[in-house]
């Protein structure tokens, strides 16, 4: 079943959606933090910035994510919400489970299957609403697997920031499928892995808002991913992470069998 005609056009950046999706921006929080806004720092572009981006990606073993990871399962929880995912990267298929819903869909054409309370949903409007909710959640929650992986996109500008001898990577999305002008500062820890991100995004009134990333683990395919994160002081957990070199794994049934057959 194709729902592509129901879905919106180019969406905001995954980073901005991740912050909005965490549901943490109460009016009182905005007012209390507004005075802590920061300006975008000066940066050096060119070869030094590009080299820093590659070093940070190498620290997370980005090559293992692109070349050796066919699929990932994970569970996202934050602000009293919880969702479970299966993401078949090679076939670009996604399953999202939350509350009484299970939604499977194809990222290429948005063909979808929807269940509510274990019962198949065939009503077009109900399917559209469930699909939009599932896709919005996926854009948000996949960000927290490793936000650095989103910087390998078209029309991205890198800048190198040095503060008291500490190098940080400034990333600006100039155009395309992300919000033009959204800017992020990736601050690595001693191990080179992203420890903090500061954000200047259109979806946030707090300029330079901070997200933190920690509890890094290494997947079976060699990818380093954070599990214990926060945004504006709200905890975001990414657990039960399993990455697969082949999917479905040998001897397992294909959870996307029906969806993969849709045309």
Protein backbone atom coordinates (compact mmCIF):
# COMPACT_ATOMS: atom_id res chain seq x y z
CA UNK A 1 0.00 0.00 0.00
CA UNK A 2 1.59 3.27 -1.08
CA UNK A 3 1.19 6.37 1.09
CA UNK A 4 3.73 8.61 -0.64
CA UNK A 5 1.08 11.09 -1.72
CA UNK A 6 0.09 11.65 1.90
CA UNK A 7 3.54 12.48 3.23
CA UNK A 8 4.95 16.01 3.42
CA UNK A 9 7.70 17.30 1.18
CA UNK A 10 11.27 18.08 2.33
CA UNK A 11 11.34 17.98 6.09
CA UNK A 12 13.38 19.79 8.71
CA UNK A 13 16.80 18.48 9.58
CA UNK A 14 17.10 15.27 11.54
CA UNK A 15 18.86 17.23 14.26
CA UNK A 16 16.07 19.76 14.67
CA UNK A 17 13.44 17.04 14.49
CA UNK A 18 15.32 15.10 17.15
CA UNK A 19 15.15 18.00 19.56
CA UNK A 20 11.50 18.72 18.85
CA UNK A 21 10.69 15.00 18.99
CA UNK A 22 12.13 14.69 22.46
CA UNK A 23 9.23 16.88 23.61
CA UNK A 24 11.22 18.79 26.20
CA UNK A 25 10.55 22.42 25.33
CA UNK A 26 8.10 23.70 27.93
CA UNK A 27 7.55 27.46 28.07
CA UNK A 28 9.14 27.72 31.50
CA UNK A 29 12.21 25.82 30.30
CA UNK A 30 12.55 28.09 27.27
CA UNK A 31 12.31 31.21 29.41
CA UNK A 32 14.80 29.92 31.95
CA UNK A 33 17.36 28.96 29.32
CA UNK A 34 16.88 31.81 26.85
CA UNK A 35 19.47 33.95 28.65
CA UNK A 36 22.03 31.20 28.09
CA UNK A 37 21.98 31.49 24.30
CA UNK A 38 25.37 31.36 22.59
CA UNK A 39 26.57 32.80 19.30
CA UNK A 40 27.92 30.56 16.54
CA UNK A 41 31.70 30.48 17.02
CA UNK A 42 34.26 31.57 14.46
CA UNK A 43 35.70 28.65 12.49
CA UNK A 44 38.32 27.72 9.94
CA UNK A 45 37.07 25.99 6.77
CA UNK A 46 38.94 23.97 4.18
CA UNK A 47 41.34 21.08 4.65
CA UNK A 48 41.74 21.33 8.47
CA UNK A 49 37.97 21.16 8.98
CA UNK A 50 37.53 18.29 6.52
CA UNK A 51 40.35 16.37 8.20
CA UNK A 52 38.76 16.87 11.63
CA UNK A 53 35.42 15.56 10.31
CA UNK A 54 37.11 12.44 8.98
CA UNK A 55 38.96 11.84 12.27
CA UNK A 56 35.75 12.08 14.25
CA UNK A 57 33.94 9.75 11.85
CA UNK A 58 36.84 7.29 12.07
CA UNK A 59 36.61 7.32 15.89
CA UNK A 60 33.04 6.01 15.63
CA UNK A 61 34.04 3.52 12.90
CA UNK A 62 31.75 5.12 10.33
CA UNK A 63 33.05 2.72 7.67
CA UNK A 64 31.59 -0.19 9.65
CA UNK A 65 28.22 1.58 9.68
CA UNK A 66 28.18 2.15 5.92
CA UNK A 67 29.92 -1.01 4.70
CA UNK A 68 29.37 -3.75 7.28
CA UNK A 69 26.02 -2.95 8.91
CA UNK A 70 23.00 -4.21 6.98
CA UNK A 71 20.42 -3.58 9.71
CA UNK A 72 19.98 -2.37 13.27
CA UNK A 73 17.45 -2.99 16.01
CA UNK A 74 17.18 -0.55 18.92
CA UNK A 75 14.86 0.80 21.59
CA UNK A 76 14.52 4.54 22.21
CA UNK A 77 13.15 5.99 25.45
CA UNK A 78 12.85 9.54 26.71
CA UNK A 79 10.46 11.93 28.41
CA UNK A 80 8.14 9.07 29.35
CA UNK A 81 7.94 7.66 25.81
CA UNK A 82 9.33 4.41 24.41
CA UNK A 83 9.58 3.03 20.87
CA UNK A 84 11.20 -0.07 19.34
CA UNK A 85 12.75 -0.21 15.88
CA UNK A 86 13.98 -2.54 13.19
CA UNK A 87 15.82 -0.64 10.43
CA UNK A 88 16.93 -2.65 7.41
CA UNK A 89 19.44 -0.20 5.96
CA UNK A 90 20.24 -2.19 2.82
CA UNK A 91 16.61 -2.55 1.74
CA UNK A 92 15.57 0.78 3.32
CA UNK A 93 12.74 -0.78 5.32
CA UNK A 94 11.67 0.35 8.79
CA UNK A 95 9.47 -1.09 11.53
CA UNK A 96 8.31 1.13 14.39
CA UNK A 97 6.44 -0.18 17.46
CA UNK A 98 4.90 2.01 20.15
CA UNK A 99 1.85 1.74 22.42
CA UNK A 100 -0.60 -0.50 20.51
CA UNK A 101 0.79 0.33 17.05
CA UNK A 102 3.17 -1.47 14.71
CA UNK A 103 4.04 0.23 11.42
CA UNK A 104 6.27 -1.08 8.64
CA UNK A 105 7.19 1.12 5.69
CA UNK A 106 9.55 1.53 2.77
CA UNK A 107 11.76 4.64 2.82
CA UNK A 108 11.93 4.70 -0.98
CA UNK A 109 8.22 4.80 -1.82
CA UNK A 110 6.47 4.85 1.59
CA UNK A 111 4.55 1.68 0.92
CA UNK A 112 3.30 0.69 4.36
CA UNK A 113 1.58 -1.86 6.57
CA UNK A 114 -0.10 -0.83 9.83
CA UNK A 115 -1.41 -2.82 12.80
CA UNK A 116 -3.25 -1.54 15.86
CA UNK A 117 -3.74 -3.88 18.77
CA UNK A 118 -2.54 -6.73 16.55
CA UNK A 119 -5.26 -6.04 13.97
CA UNK A 120 -4.42 -4.92 10.44
CA UNK A 121 -5.49 -1.33 9.67
CA UNK A 122 -6.86 -0.84 6.16
CA UNK A 123 -8.61 2.51 6.52
CA UNK A 124 -6.54 4.96 4.38
CA UNK A 125 -6.84 7.91 6.76
CA UNK A 126 -5.96 5.86 9.83
CA UNK A 127 -2.99 4.38 7.97
CA UNK A 128 -1.83 7.83 6.88
CA UNK A 129 -1.87 9.16 10.43
CA UNK A 130 -0.03 6.12 11.79
CA UNK A 131 2.57 6.27 9.01
CA UNK A 132 3.27 9.96 9.57
CA UNK A 133 3.66 9.35 13.31
CA UNK A 134 6.00 6.43 12.69
CA UNK A 135 8.18 8.32 10.23
CA UNK A 136 8.42 11.41 12.45
CA UNK A 137 9.45 9.18 15.36
CA UNK A 138 12.04 7.37 13.24
CA UNK A 139 13.63 10.62 12.04
CA UNK A 140 13.91 11.70 15.66
CA UNK A 141 15.05 8.48 17.26
CA UNK A 142 17.56 7.30 14.63
CA UNK A 143 19.46 10.55 15.24
CA UNK A 144 20.35 9.39 18.74
CA UNK A 145 22.03 6.19 17.46
CA UNK A 146 24.94 8.40 16.43
CA UNK A 147 24.30 12.00 15.38
CA UNK A 148 27.69 12.30 13.70
CA UNK A 149 26.57 9.92 10.94
CA UNK A 150 24.15 12.58 9.65
CA UNK A 151 26.92 14.96 8.60
CA UNK A 152 27.77 13.00 5.44
CA UNK A 153 25.16 14.75 3.34
CA UNK A 154 25.13 17.02 0.31
CA UNK A 155 25.56 20.78 0.73
CA UNK A 156 27.26 20.49 4.13
CA UNK A 157 29.94 22.96 5.21
CA UNK A 158 32.56 22.03 7.80
CA UNK A 159 34.44 24.41 10.07
CA UNK A 160 37.22 23.79 12.62
CA UNK A 161 36.82 25.58 15.95
CA UNK A 162 39.67 25.77 18.45
CA UNK A 163 38.93 26.88 22.02
CA UNK A 164 41.65 26.62 24.67
CA UNK A 165 43.42 24.03 22.53
CA UNK A 166 40.25 21.90 22.12
CA UNK A 167 39.21 21.16 18.54
CA UNK A 168 35.50 21.01 17.68
CA UNK A 169 33.71 20.50 14.39
CA UNK A 170 31.19 23.09 13.18
CA UNK A 171 28.69 21.67 10.68
CA UNK A 172 26.26 23.81 8.66
CA UNK A 173 23.59 22.40 6.35
CA UNK A 174 23.40 24.85 3.47
CA UNK A 175 20.46 23.43 1.48
CA UNK A 176 18.69 20.27 0.37
CA UNK A 177 16.60 18.00 2.59
CA UNK A 178 17.62 19.73 5.78
CA UNK A 179 16.72 23.17 7.09
CA UNK A 180 19.03 25.69 5.37
CA UNK A 181 21.36 27.37 7.82
CA UNK A 182 20.98 24.91 10.69
CA UNK A 183 24.36 24.69 12.42
CA UNK A 184 25.82 22.24 14.95
CA UNK A 185 29.05 22.19 16.94
CA UNK A 186 30.36 18.66 17.63
CA UNK A 187 32.65 18.64 20.66
CA UNK A 188 34.66 15.39 21.01
CA UNK A 189 35.76 13.77 24.23
CA UNK A 190 39.31 12.60 24.92
CA UNK A 191 38.61 9.46 22.86
CA UNK A 192 37.53 11.47 19.82
CA UNK A 193 33.89 10.40 20.11
CA UNK A 194 31.17 13.09 20.16
CA UNK A 195 30.55 14.06 23.79
CA UNK A 196 28.48 17.20 23.29
CA UNK A 197 26.60 18.99 20.51
CA UNK A 198 25.57 22.63 20.52
CA UNK A 199 22.77 23.56 18.13
CA UNK A 200 21.67 26.66 16.28
CA UNK A 201 18.50 25.45 14.56
CA UNK A 202 15.32 27.09 13.35
CA UNK A 203 13.16 24.72 15.39
CA UNK A 204 14.72 25.89 18.69
CA UNK A 205 14.50 29.36 20.25
CA UNK A 206 17.52 28.49 22.41
CA UNK A 207 20.60 29.23 20.32
CA UNK A 208 23.50 26.99 21.21
CA UNK A 209 21.31 24.49 23.10
CA UNK A 210 23.32 21.51 24.30
CA UNK A 211 22.87 17.77 23.91
CA UNK A 212 25.27 15.28 25.51
CA UNK A 213 26.25 11.76 24.43
CA UNK A 214 27.87 9.01 26.48
CA UNK A 215 27.85 5.36 27.46
CA UNK A 216 29.43 4.37 24.16
CA UNK A 217 29.32 0.70 23.22
CA UNK A 218 30.65 -1.22 20.21
CA UNK A 219 28.22 -3.22 18.09
CA UNK A 220 28.82 -6.68 16.62
CA UNK A 221 29.65 -4.96 13.31
CA UNK A 222 32.20 -2.64 14.95
CA UNK A 223 30.18 0.58 15.17
CA UNK A 224 30.59 2.74 18.27
CA UNK A 225 27.26 4.18 19.40
CA UNK A 226 26.11 6.20 22.43
CA UNK A 227 23.48 4.80 24.79
CA UNK A 228 23.16 7.41 27.56
CA UNK A 229 22.28 10.85 26.16
CA UNK A 230 20.44 14.00 27.17
CA UNK A 231 18.95 17.14 25.63
CA UNK A 232 18.35 20.22 27.77
CA UNK A 233 18.72 18.02 30.85
CA UNK A 234 16.21 15.38 29.76
CA UNK A 235 17.61 11.82 29.57
CA UNK A 236 17.44 10.02 26.21
CA UNK A 237 18.30 6.30 26.33
CA UNK A 238 19.12 4.12 23.31
CA UNK A 239 19.18 0.48 24.37
CA UNK A 240 18.89 -3.10 23.13
CA UNK A 241 21.05 -2.13 20.15
CA UNK A 242 21.81 -5.01 17.79
CA UNK A 243 23.55 -4.46 14.47
CA UNK A 244 23.64 -7.14 11.80
CA UNK A 245 26.10 -7.78 8.97
CA UNK A 246 23.34 -9.66 7.12
CA UNK A 247 19.61 -9.29 7.53
CA UNK A 248 17.57 -11.26 8.23
CA UNK A 249 20.29 -13.10 10.16
CA UNK A 250 20.91 -16.71 9.12
CA UNK A 251 18.09 -19.02 10.18
CA UNK A 252 15.68 -16.19 11.06
CA UNK A 253 12.45 -15.34 9.27
CA UNK A 254 12.09 -12.04 7.46
CA UNK A 255 9.87 -9.59 9.41
CA UNK A 256 9.56 -7.51 6.23
CA UNK A 257 8.53 -10.38 3.95
CA UNK A 258 5.10 -8.97 3.12
CA UNK A 259 6.24 -5.35 2.90
CA UNK A 260 9.16 -6.21 0.61
CA UNK A 261 6.70 -7.83 -1.80
CA UNK A 262 4.55 -4.71 -2.18
CA UNK A 263 4.78 -2.82 -5.44
